[in-house]
């Protein structure tokens, strides 16, 4: 059965399966009723019941979130570099 999630998430089933979903990307899961029930309980849906536009929007949102996270990391690194430079400059003044 193909299932899709609108969020990035990992589903751990009570049967011991672990499946990682990427937002908007349908994946085939084993035909284990417990696993399927656990995935559905976490908000996953049968891929054939979800409009392609919804899946595309979920993928786009996920990509945008990843880009923002990368930009935030870059800004944080730049801020750390400025702080180090300021400390070094202050140390040279003393």
N, C-alpha and C. Protein backbone atom coordinates (compact mmCIF):
# COMPACT_ATOMS: atom_id res chain seq x y z
N UNK A 1 0.85 -1.18 0.00
CA UNK A 1 0.00 0.00 0.00
C UNK A 1 0.89 1.24 0.00
N UNK A 2 0.51 2.24 -0.79
CA UNK A 2 1.25 3.50 -0.80
C UNK A 2 0.60 4.49 0.14
N UNK A 3 1.42 5.05 1.03
CA UNK A 3 0.96 6.07 1.95
C UNK A 3 1.77 7.34 1.75
N UNK A 4 1.19 8.47 2.15
CA UNK A 4 1.87 9.76 2.04
C UNK A 4 1.59 10.55 3.30
N UNK A 5 2.56 11.37 3.68
CA UNK A 5 2.41 12.26 4.82
C UNK A 5 2.63 13.69 4.33
N UNK A 6 1.94 14.64 4.91
CA UNK A 6 2.19 16.03 4.52
C UNK A 6 3.30 16.63 5.36
N UNK A 7 3.84 15.86 6.29
CA UNK A 7 4.95 16.30 7.13
C UNK A 7 6.12 15.33 7.01
N UNK A 8 7.32 15.81 7.26
CA UNK A 8 8.44 14.90 7.45
C UNK A 8 8.22 14.26 8.81
N UNK A 9 8.22 12.96 8.85
CA UNK A 9 8.05 12.30 10.14
C UNK A 9 8.54 10.86 10.08
N UNK A 10 8.81 10.33 11.24
CA UNK A 10 9.18 8.93 11.38
C UNK A 10 8.05 8.26 12.16
N UNK A 11 7.55 7.17 11.62
CA UNK A 11 6.49 6.42 12.28
C UNK A 11 7.10 5.12 12.80
N UNK A 12 6.97 4.91 14.10
CA UNK A 12 7.40 3.66 14.72
C UNK A 12 6.14 2.88 15.04
N UNK A 13 6.01 1.71 14.44
CA UNK A 13 4.79 0.94 14.68
C UNK A 13 4.96 0.05 15.90
N UNK A 14 3.83 -0.32 16.46
CA UNK A 14 3.86 -1.22 17.60
C UNK A 14 4.33 -2.61 17.19
N UNK A 15 4.37 -2.88 15.87
CA UNK A 15 4.85 -4.17 15.36
C UNK A 15 6.37 -4.16 15.16
N UNK A 16 7.00 -3.00 15.44
CA UNK A 16 8.45 -2.94 15.34
C UNK A 16 9.00 -2.32 14.06
N UNK A 17 8.13 -1.91 13.15
CA UNK A 17 8.59 -1.25 11.93
C UNK A 17 8.89 0.22 12.20
N UNK A 18 9.85 0.74 11.48
CA UNK A 18 10.16 2.17 11.52
C UNK A 18 10.20 2.65 10.08
N UNK A 19 9.37 3.66 9.78
CA UNK A 19 9.30 4.19 8.42
C UNK A 19 9.46 5.69 8.47
N UNK A 20 10.36 6.20 7.61
CA UNK A 20 10.57 7.64 7.52
C UNK A 20 9.82 8.18 6.32
N UNK A 21 8.95 9.14 6.57
CA UNK A 21 8.20 9.80 5.51
C UNK A 21 8.79 11.17 5.24
N UNK A 22 8.95 11.49 3.96
CA UNK A 22 9.31 12.84 3.54
C UNK A 22 8.01 13.48 3.05
N UNK A 23 7.80 14.71 3.44
CA UNK A 23 6.54 15.40 3.13
C UNK A 23 6.20 15.31 1.65
N UNK A 24 5.00 14.84 1.37
CA UNK A 24 4.49 14.80 0.01
C UNK A 24 5.03 13.71 -0.87
N UNK A 25 5.87 12.84 -0.32
CA UNK A 25 6.46 11.76 -1.11
C UNK A 25 5.80 10.44 -0.76
N UNK A 26 4.99 9.89 -1.66
CA UNK A 26 4.34 8.61 -1.35
C UNK A 26 5.37 7.48 -1.29
N UNK A 27 5.18 6.60 -0.33
CA UNK A 27 6.06 5.43 -0.24
C UNK A 27 5.20 4.18 -0.05
N UNK A 28 5.75 3.08 -0.49
CA UNK A 28 5.07 1.80 -0.33
C UNK A 28 5.45 1.22 1.02
N UNK A 29 4.45 0.87 1.80
CA UNK A 29 4.71 0.27 3.11
C UNK A 29 4.27 -1.19 3.06
N UNK A 30 4.89 -2.02 3.89
CA UNK A 30 4.49 -3.43 3.92
C UNK A 30 3.01 -3.57 4.28
N UNK A 31 2.40 -4.63 3.79
CA UNK A 31 0.97 -4.87 4.03
C UNK A 31 0.74 -5.48 5.41
N UNK A 32 1.22 -4.80 6.41
CA UNK A 32 1.03 -5.23 7.79
C UNK A 32 -0.08 -4.35 8.38
N UNK A 33 -1.21 -4.95 8.75
CA UNK A 33 -2.33 -4.15 9.25
C UNK A 33 -1.97 -3.25 10.43
N UNK A 34 -1.12 -3.73 11.32
CA UNK A 34 -0.71 -2.93 12.47
C UNK A 34 0.10 -1.72 12.02
N UNK A 35 1.03 -1.94 11.10
CA UNK A 35 1.85 -0.85 10.59
C UNK A 35 0.98 0.19 9.88
N UNK A 36 0.09 -0.27 9.03
CA UNK A 36 -0.78 0.65 8.30
C UNK A 36 -1.64 1.45 9.28
N UNK A 37 -2.19 0.78 10.29
CA UNK A 37 -3.01 1.48 11.29
C UNK A 37 -2.18 2.52 12.04
N UNK A 38 -0.94 2.17 12.38
CA UNK A 38 -0.08 3.12 13.10
C UNK A 38 0.25 4.33 12.22
N UNK A 39 0.50 4.10 10.94
CA UNK A 39 0.78 5.20 10.02
C UNK A 39 -0.44 6.10 9.87
N UNK A 40 -1.60 5.50 9.71
CA UNK A 40 -2.83 6.28 9.58
C UNK A 40 -3.09 7.08 10.86
N UNK A 41 -2.78 6.49 12.01
CA UNK A 41 -2.97 7.19 13.29
C UNK A 41 -2.05 8.40 13.41
N UNK A 42 -0.91 8.37 12.72
CA UNK A 42 0.04 9.50 12.75
C UNK A 42 -0.28 10.54 11.68
N UNK A 43 -1.38 10.35 10.96
CA UNK A 43 -1.79 11.35 9.99
C UNK A 43 -1.41 11.05 8.56
N UNK A 44 -0.82 9.90 8.30
CA UNK A 44 -0.52 9.51 6.93
C UNK A 44 -1.83 9.13 6.23
N UNK A 45 -1.84 9.28 4.92
CA UNK A 45 -3.04 8.99 4.15
C UNK A 45 -2.71 8.08 2.98
N UNK A 46 -3.69 7.32 2.49
CA UNK A 46 -3.46 6.54 1.27
C UNK A 46 -3.13 7.49 0.13
N UNK A 47 -2.06 7.23 -0.58
CA UNK A 47 -1.58 8.13 -1.63
C UNK A 47 -2.63 8.35 -2.71
N UNK A 48 -3.44 7.33 -3.00
CA UNK A 48 -4.44 7.50 -4.05
C UNK A 48 -5.62 8.37 -3.62
N UNK A 49 -5.66 8.74 -2.34
CA UNK A 49 -6.73 9.60 -1.83
C UNK A 49 -6.28 11.06 -1.69
N UNK A 50 -5.00 11.32 -1.96
CA UNK A 50 -4.47 12.67 -1.79
C UNK A 50 -4.20 13.28 -3.16
N UNK A 51 -4.73 14.45 -3.38
CA UNK A 51 -4.55 15.16 -4.64
C UNK A 51 -3.07 15.49 -4.85
N UNK A 52 -2.61 15.39 -6.08
CA UNK A 52 -1.20 15.67 -6.40
C UNK A 52 -0.83 17.10 -6.02
N UNK A 53 -1.77 18.02 -6.11
CA UNK A 53 -1.48 19.42 -5.74
C UNK A 53 -1.17 19.53 -4.25
N UNK A 54 -1.85 18.76 -3.44
CA UNK A 54 -1.59 18.76 -2.00
C UNK A 54 -0.19 18.20 -1.73
N UNK A 55 0.14 17.10 -2.41
CA UNK A 55 1.48 16.51 -2.22
C UNK A 55 2.56 17.47 -2.71
N UNK A 56 2.33 18.14 -3.84
CA UNK A 56 3.30 19.11 -4.35
C UNK A 56 3.47 20.27 -3.38
N UNK A 57 2.38 20.74 -2.79
CA UNK A 57 2.46 21.83 -1.82
C UNK A 57 3.24 21.40 -0.58
N UNK A 58 3.02 20.16 -0.14
CA UNK A 58 3.75 19.65 1.03
C UNK A 58 5.25 19.56 0.73
N UNK A 59 5.59 19.09 -0.48
CA UNK A 59 7.01 19.02 -0.86
C UNK A 59 7.62 20.41 -0.92
N UNK A 60 6.89 21.36 -1.49
CA UNK A 60 7.40 22.74 -1.61
C UNK A 60 7.60 23.35 -0.23
N UNK A 61 6.65 23.14 0.67
CA UNK A 61 6.78 23.67 2.03
C UNK A 61 7.98 23.05 2.73
N UNK A 62 8.16 21.77 2.56
CA UNK A 62 9.29 21.08 3.17
C UNK A 62 10.61 21.64 2.64
N UNK A 63 10.70 21.84 1.33
CA UNK A 63 11.91 22.40 0.74
C UNK A 63 12.18 23.81 1.27
N UNK A 64 11.12 24.61 1.39
CA UNK A 64 11.27 25.98 1.90
C UNK A 64 11.75 25.96 3.35
N UNK A 65 11.21 25.05 4.16
CA UNK A 65 11.65 24.93 5.55
C UNK A 65 13.12 24.54 5.64
N UNK A 66 13.55 23.64 4.76
CA UNK A 66 14.95 23.23 4.76
C UNK A 66 15.86 24.39 4.36
N UNK A 67 15.43 25.18 3.37
CA UNK A 67 16.21 26.34 2.95
C UNK A 67 16.31 27.36 4.08
N UNK A 68 15.20 27.61 4.78
CA UNK A 68 15.21 28.55 5.90
C UNK A 68 16.13 28.06 7.02
N UNK A 69 16.11 26.77 7.28
CA UNK A 69 16.97 26.21 8.31
C UNK A 69 18.44 26.40 7.93
N UNK A 70 18.76 26.21 6.66
CA UNK A 70 20.13 26.40 6.20
C UNK A 70 20.53 27.86 6.30
N UNK A 71 19.63 28.77 5.94
CA UNK A 71 19.92 30.20 6.04
C UNK A 71 20.13 30.60 7.49
N UNK A 72 19.32 30.06 8.39
CA UNK A 72 19.47 30.36 9.82
C UNK A 72 20.82 29.88 10.33
N UNK A 73 21.24 28.73 9.86
CA UNK A 73 22.55 28.19 10.26
C UNK A 73 23.66 29.10 9.75
N UNK A 74 23.53 29.59 8.52
CA UNK A 74 24.53 30.49 7.94
C UNK A 74 24.59 31.80 8.72
N UNK A 75 23.42 32.35 9.07
CA UNK A 75 23.37 33.60 9.84
C UNK A 75 24.00 33.39 11.21
N UNK A 76 23.72 32.27 11.84
CA UNK A 76 24.30 31.97 13.16
C UNK A 76 25.82 31.89 13.06
N UNK A 77 26.32 31.22 12.02
CA UNK A 77 27.77 31.10 11.84
C UNK A 77 28.40 32.48 11.59
N UNK A 78 27.72 33.31 10.82
CA UNK A 78 28.23 34.66 10.56
C UNK A 78 28.26 35.46 11.85
N UNK A 79 27.23 35.35 12.66
CA UNK A 79 27.18 36.05 13.95
C UNK A 79 28.30 35.59 14.86
N UNK A 80 28.57 34.29 14.88
CA UNK A 80 29.66 33.77 15.70
C UNK A 80 31.01 34.29 15.21
N UNK A 81 31.17 34.40 13.90
CA UNK A 81 32.43 34.91 13.35
C UNK A 81 32.62 36.38 13.72
N UNK A 82 31.54 37.17 13.68
CA UNK A 82 31.63 38.58 14.06
C UNK A 82 31.99 38.70 15.53
N UNK A 83 31.37 37.90 16.37
CA UNK A 83 31.67 37.92 17.81
C UNK A 83 33.14 37.60 18.07
N UNK A 84 33.65 36.58 17.39
CA UNK A 84 35.06 36.22 17.56
C UNK A 84 35.97 37.35 17.10
N UNK A 85 35.61 37.98 16.00
CA UNK A 85 36.42 39.10 15.49
C UNK A 85 36.39 40.26 16.47
N UNK A 86 35.25 40.54 17.07
CA UNK A 86 35.14 41.62 18.05
C UNK A 86 35.97 41.32 19.29
N UNK A 87 35.93 40.08 19.74
CA UNK A 87 36.74 39.68 20.90
C UNK A 87 38.22 39.84 20.58
N UNK A 88 38.60 39.38 19.40
CA UNK A 88 40.02 39.50 18.98
C UNK A 88 40.42 40.96 18.92
N UNK A 89 39.58 41.82 18.38
CA UNK A 89 39.88 43.25 18.28
C UNK A 89 40.00 43.87 19.66
N UNK A 90 39.11 43.50 20.54
CA UNK A 90 39.16 44.03 21.93
C UNK A 90 40.42 43.56 22.64
N UNK A 91 40.83 42.32 22.40
CA UNK A 91 42.05 41.80 23.01
C UNK A 91 43.29 42.53 22.52
N UNK A 92 43.29 42.94 21.25
CA UNK A 92 44.42 43.67 20.69
C UNK A 92 44.52 45.07 21.27
N UNK A 93 43.39 45.67 21.65
CA UNK A 93 43.37 47.02 22.22
C UNK A 93 43.97 47.04 23.61
N UNK A 94 43.84 45.93 24.30
CA UNK A 94 44.31 45.88 25.69
C UNK A 94 45.77 45.71 25.79
